[in-house]
């Protein structure tokens, strides 16, 4: 009686997919976050993961790319507000460092482009 042929199961090699490696511009990051916040309103874990992925990509980009125009400024303000909603007052939150960085970029842009003139002290 011939032996039955037994095939060894083939192993499928997979590699982890990190969305942060594919978010290269503030617009792509904002679009990614917009999609997550629109599609997963009640998924706090998913929202946190989306913010973490965007934060990793943002950290790389932010060191090379300050906010240079109103469109980028608007996106950074949206990101800053999303981070504030996520982190609250928790200074130990994993995303608090990113919030600090985003806030700093927004502040720098505002100081140059949205500066408030000092009040005139000569008028009563």
C-alpha atoms as a PDB file:
ATOM      1  CA  UNK A   1       0.000   0.000   0.000  1.00  0.00           C
ATOM      2  CA  UNK A   2       1.519   3.352  -0.989  1.00  0.00           C
ATOM      3  CA  UNK A   3       2.132   5.974   1.656  1.00  0.00           C
ATOM      4  CA  UNK A   4      -0.236   8.932   1.526  1.00  0.00           C
ATOM      5  CA  UNK A   5       1.397  12.147   0.463  1.00  0.00           C
ATOM      6  CA  UNK A   6       1.395  14.600   3.309  1.00  0.00           C
ATOM      7  CA  UNK A   7       2.122  18.155   2.412  1.00  0.00           C
ATOM      8  CA  UNK A   8       3.737  20.354   4.971  1.00  0.00           C
ATOM      9  CA  UNK A   9       1.730  23.452   5.669  1.00  0.00           C
ATOM     10  CA  UNK A  10       3.316  26.455   4.078  1.00  0.00           C
ATOM     11  CA  UNK A  11       4.126  29.283   6.363  1.00  0.00           C
ATOM     12  CA  UNK A  12       2.946  32.653   5.277  1.00  0.00           C
ATOM     13  CA  UNK A  13       5.377  35.380   6.128  1.00  0.00           C
ATOM     14  CA  UNK A  14       3.751  38.570   7.226  1.00  0.00           C
ATOM     15  CA  UNK A  15       5.195  41.864   8.201  1.00  0.00           C
ATOM     16  CA  UNK A  16       3.621  44.322  10.586  1.00  0.00           C
ATOM     17  CA  UNK A  17       1.883  47.207   8.885  1.00  0.00           C
ATOM     18  CA  UNK A  18       2.566  50.526  10.502  1.00  0.00           C
ATOM     19  CA  UNK A  19       0.385  53.267   9.093  1.00  0.00           C
ATOM     20  CA  UNK A  20       2.775  55.850  10.537  1.00  0.00           C
ATOM     21  CA  UNK A  21       5.297  54.881   7.868  1.00  0.00           C
ATOM     22  CA  UNK A  22       2.841  55.966   5.175  1.00  0.00           C
ATOM     23  CA  UNK A  23       1.648  59.302   6.560  1.00  0.00           C
ATOM     24  CA  UNK A  24       4.081  61.766   5.034  1.00  0.00           C
ATOM     25  CA  UNK A  25       2.320  65.127   5.099  1.00  0.00           C
ATOM     26  CA  UNK A  26       0.125  66.997   7.570  1.00  0.00           C
ATOM     27  CA  UNK A  27      -2.721  66.626   5.067  1.00  0.00           C
ATOM     28  CA  UNK A  28      -2.372  62.833   5.012  1.00  0.00           C
ATOM     29  CA  UNK A  29      -2.273  62.742   8.825  1.00  0.00           C
ATOM     30  CA  UNK A  30      -5.332  64.945   9.087  1.00  0.00           C
ATOM     31  CA  UNK A  31      -7.227  62.889   6.501  1.00  0.00           C
ATOM     32  CA  UNK A  32      -6.349  59.696   8.372  1.00  0.00           C
ATOM     33  CA  UNK A  33      -7.542  61.170  11.662  1.00  0.00           C
ATOM     34  CA  UNK A  34     -10.661  62.634  10.050  1.00  0.00           C
ATOM     35  CA  UNK A  35     -11.567  59.200   8.697  1.00  0.00           C
ATOM     36  CA  UNK A  36     -11.047  57.545  12.075  1.00  0.00           C
ATOM     37  CA  UNK A  37     -13.046  60.140  13.957  1.00  0.00           C
ATOM     38  CA  UNK A  38     -15.847  60.016  11.391  1.00  0.00           C
ATOM     39  CA  UNK A  39     -16.078  56.222  11.085  1.00  0.00           C
ATOM     40  CA  UNK A  40     -15.281  55.217  14.669  1.00  0.00           C
ATOM     41  CA  UNK A  41     -16.941  57.837  16.815  1.00  0.00           C
ATOM     42  CA  UNK A  42     -17.555  55.415  19.677  1.00  0.00           C
ATOM     43  CA  UNK A  43     -14.352  53.392  19.292  1.00  0.00           C
ATOM     44  CA  UNK A  44     -12.093  55.010  21.888  1.00  0.00           C
ATOM     45  CA  UNK A  45      -9.422  52.330  21.483  1.00  0.00           C
ATOM     46  CA  UNK A  46      -9.401  52.787  17.717  1.00  0.00           C
ATOM     47  CA  UNK A  47      -9.251  56.553  18.089  1.00  0.00           C
ATOM     48  CA  UNK A  48      -6.318  56.243  20.479  1.00  0.00           C
ATOM     49  CA  UNK A  49      -4.496  53.939  18.061  1.00  0.00           C
ATOM     50  CA  UNK A  50      -5.153  56.348  15.194  1.00  0.00           C
ATOM     51  CA  UNK A  51      -3.786  59.230  17.243  1.00  0.00           C
ATOM     52  CA  UNK A  52      -0.718  57.213  18.187  1.00  0.00           C
ATOM     53  CA  UNK A  53      -0.039  56.296  14.560  1.00  0.00           C
ATOM     54  CA  UNK A  54      -0.459  59.883  13.471  1.00  0.00           C
ATOM     55  CA  UNK A  55       1.703  61.047  16.347  1.00  0.00           C
ATOM     56  CA  UNK A  56       4.562  58.781  15.304  1.00  0.00           C
ATOM     57  CA  UNK A  57       4.423  60.111  11.773  1.00  0.00           C
ATOM     58  CA  UNK A  58       4.000  63.650  13.036  1.00  0.00           C
ATOM     59  CA  UNK A  59       7.054  63.467  15.298  1.00  0.00           C
ATOM     60  CA  UNK A  60       9.241  62.668  12.309  1.00  0.00           C
ATOM     61  CA  UNK A  61       7.651  65.345  10.155  1.00  0.00           C
ATOM     62  CA  UNK A  62       7.471  68.063  12.819  1.00  0.00           C
ATOM     63  CA  UNK A  63      11.214  68.107  13.316  1.00  0.00           C
ATOM     64  CA  UNK A  64      11.623  69.099   9.678  1.00  0.00           C
ATOM     65  CA  UNK A  65       8.451  70.978   8.840  1.00  0.00           C
ATOM     66  CA  UNK A  66       7.047  73.925  10.782  1.00  0.00           C
ATOM     67  CA  UNK A  67       3.562  75.241  10.060  1.00  0.00           C
ATOM     68  CA  UNK A  68       3.929  77.554   7.065  1.00  0.00           C
ATOM     69  CA  UNK A  69       0.424  78.464   5.894  1.00  0.00           C
ATOM     70  CA  UNK A  70      -3.192  78.816   7.015  1.00  0.00           C
ATOM     71  CA  UNK A  71      -4.210  75.389   5.726  1.00  0.00           C
ATOM     72  CA  UNK A  72      -1.499  73.659   7.762  1.00  0.00           C
ATOM     73  CA  UNK A  73      -2.350  75.878  10.725  1.00  0.00           C
ATOM     74  CA  UNK A  74      -6.031  74.866  10.540  1.00  0.00           C
ATOM     75  CA  UNK A  75      -5.056  71.190  10.419  1.00  0.00           C
ATOM     76  CA  UNK A  76      -2.697  71.565  13.382  1.00  0.00           C
ATOM     77  CA  UNK A  77      -5.424  73.279  15.390  1.00  0.00           C
ATOM     78  CA  UNK A  78      -7.772  70.372  14.601  1.00  0.00           C
ATOM     79  CA  UNK A  79      -5.079  67.898  15.646  1.00  0.00           C
ATOM     80  CA  UNK A  80      -4.364  69.894  18.798  1.00  0.00           C
ATOM     81  CA  UNK A  81      -8.057  69.909  19.728  1.00  0.00           C
ATOM     82  CA  UNK A  82      -8.365  66.164  19.088  1.00  0.00           C
ATOM     83  CA  UNK A  83      -5.343  65.562  21.289  1.00  0.00           C
ATOM     84  CA  UNK A  84      -6.798  67.780  24.019  1.00  0.00           C
ATOM     85  CA  UNK A  85     -10.041  65.794  23.866  1.00  0.00           C
ATOM     86  CA  UNK A  86      -8.084  62.545  24.147  1.00  0.00           C
ATOM     87  CA  UNK A  87      -5.569  63.497  26.838  1.00  0.00           C
ATOM     88  CA  UNK A  88      -7.647  65.835  28.979  1.00  0.00           C
ATOM     89  CA  UNK A  89      -5.631  67.088  31.960  1.00  0.00           C
ATOM     90  CA  UNK A  90      -3.501  63.926  32.161  1.00  0.00           C
ATOM     91  CA  UNK A  91       0.137  65.022  31.880  1.00  0.00           C
ATOM     92  CA  UNK A  92       1.168  61.349  31.998  1.00  0.00           C
ATOM     93  CA  UNK A  93      -0.955  60.387  28.979  1.00  0.00           C
ATOM     94  CA  UNK A  94       1.121  58.745  26.214  1.00  0.00           C
ATOM     95  CA  UNK A  95       0.051  61.466  23.779  1.00  0.00           C
ATOM     96  CA  UNK A  96       0.825  64.434  26.049  1.00  0.00           C
ATOM     97  CA  UNK A  97       4.286  64.877  24.473  1.00  0.00           C
ATOM     98  CA  UNK A  98       2.722  65.094  21.039  1.00  0.00           C
ATOM     99  CA  UNK A  99       0.184  67.597  22.346  1.00  0.00           C
ATOM    100  CA  UNK A 100       3.046  69.750  23.636  1.00  0.00           C
ATOM    101  CA  UNK A 101       4.791  69.610  20.246  1.00  0.00           C
ATOM    102  CA  UNK A 102       1.639  70.412  18.262  1.00  0.00           C
ATOM    103  CA  UNK A 103       0.750  73.253  20.650  1.00  0.00           C
ATOM    104  CA  UNK A 104       4.251  74.668  20.251  1.00  0.00           C
ATOM    105  CA  UNK A 105       3.971  74.632  16.435  1.00  0.00           C
ATOM    106  CA  UNK A 106       0.552  76.296  16.583  1.00  0.00           C
ATOM    107  CA  UNK A 107       1.835  78.907  19.020  1.00  0.00           C
ATOM    108  CA  UNK A 108       4.870  79.723  16.874  1.00  0.00           C
ATOM    109  CA  UNK A 109       2.699  80.229  13.825  1.00  0.00           C
ATOM    110  CA  UNK A 110       0.229  82.376  15.783  1.00  0.00           C
ATOM    111  CA  UNK A 111       3.016  84.596  17.151  1.00  0.00           C
ATOM    112  CA  UNK A 112       4.045  85.506  13.622  1.00  0.00           C
ATOM    113  CA  UNK A 113       0.771  85.432  11.695  1.00  0.00           C
ATOM    114  CA  UNK A 114      -1.902  86.113  14.308  1.00  0.00           C
ATOM    115  CA  UNK A 115      -0.052  88.409  16.670  1.00  0.00           C
ATOM    116  CA  UNK A 116      -2.201  90.630  18.831  1.00  0.00           C
ATOM    117  CA  UNK A 117      -0.981  94.208  18.847  1.00  0.00           C
ATOM    118  CA  UNK A 118      -0.333  95.719  22.263  1.00  0.00           C
ATOM    119  CA  UNK A 119      -3.016  98.072  23.517  1.00  0.00           C
ATOM    120  CA  UNK A 120      -2.372 101.768  22.996  1.00  0.00           C
ATOM    121  CA  UNK A 121      -1.659 103.184  26.452  1.00  0.00           C
ATOM    122  CA  UNK A 122      -2.113 106.798  25.345  1.00  0.00           C
ATOM    123  CA  UNK A 123      -5.898 106.549  25.001  1.00  0.00           C
ATOM    124  CA  UNK A 124      -8.046 106.827  28.142  1.00  0.00           C
END
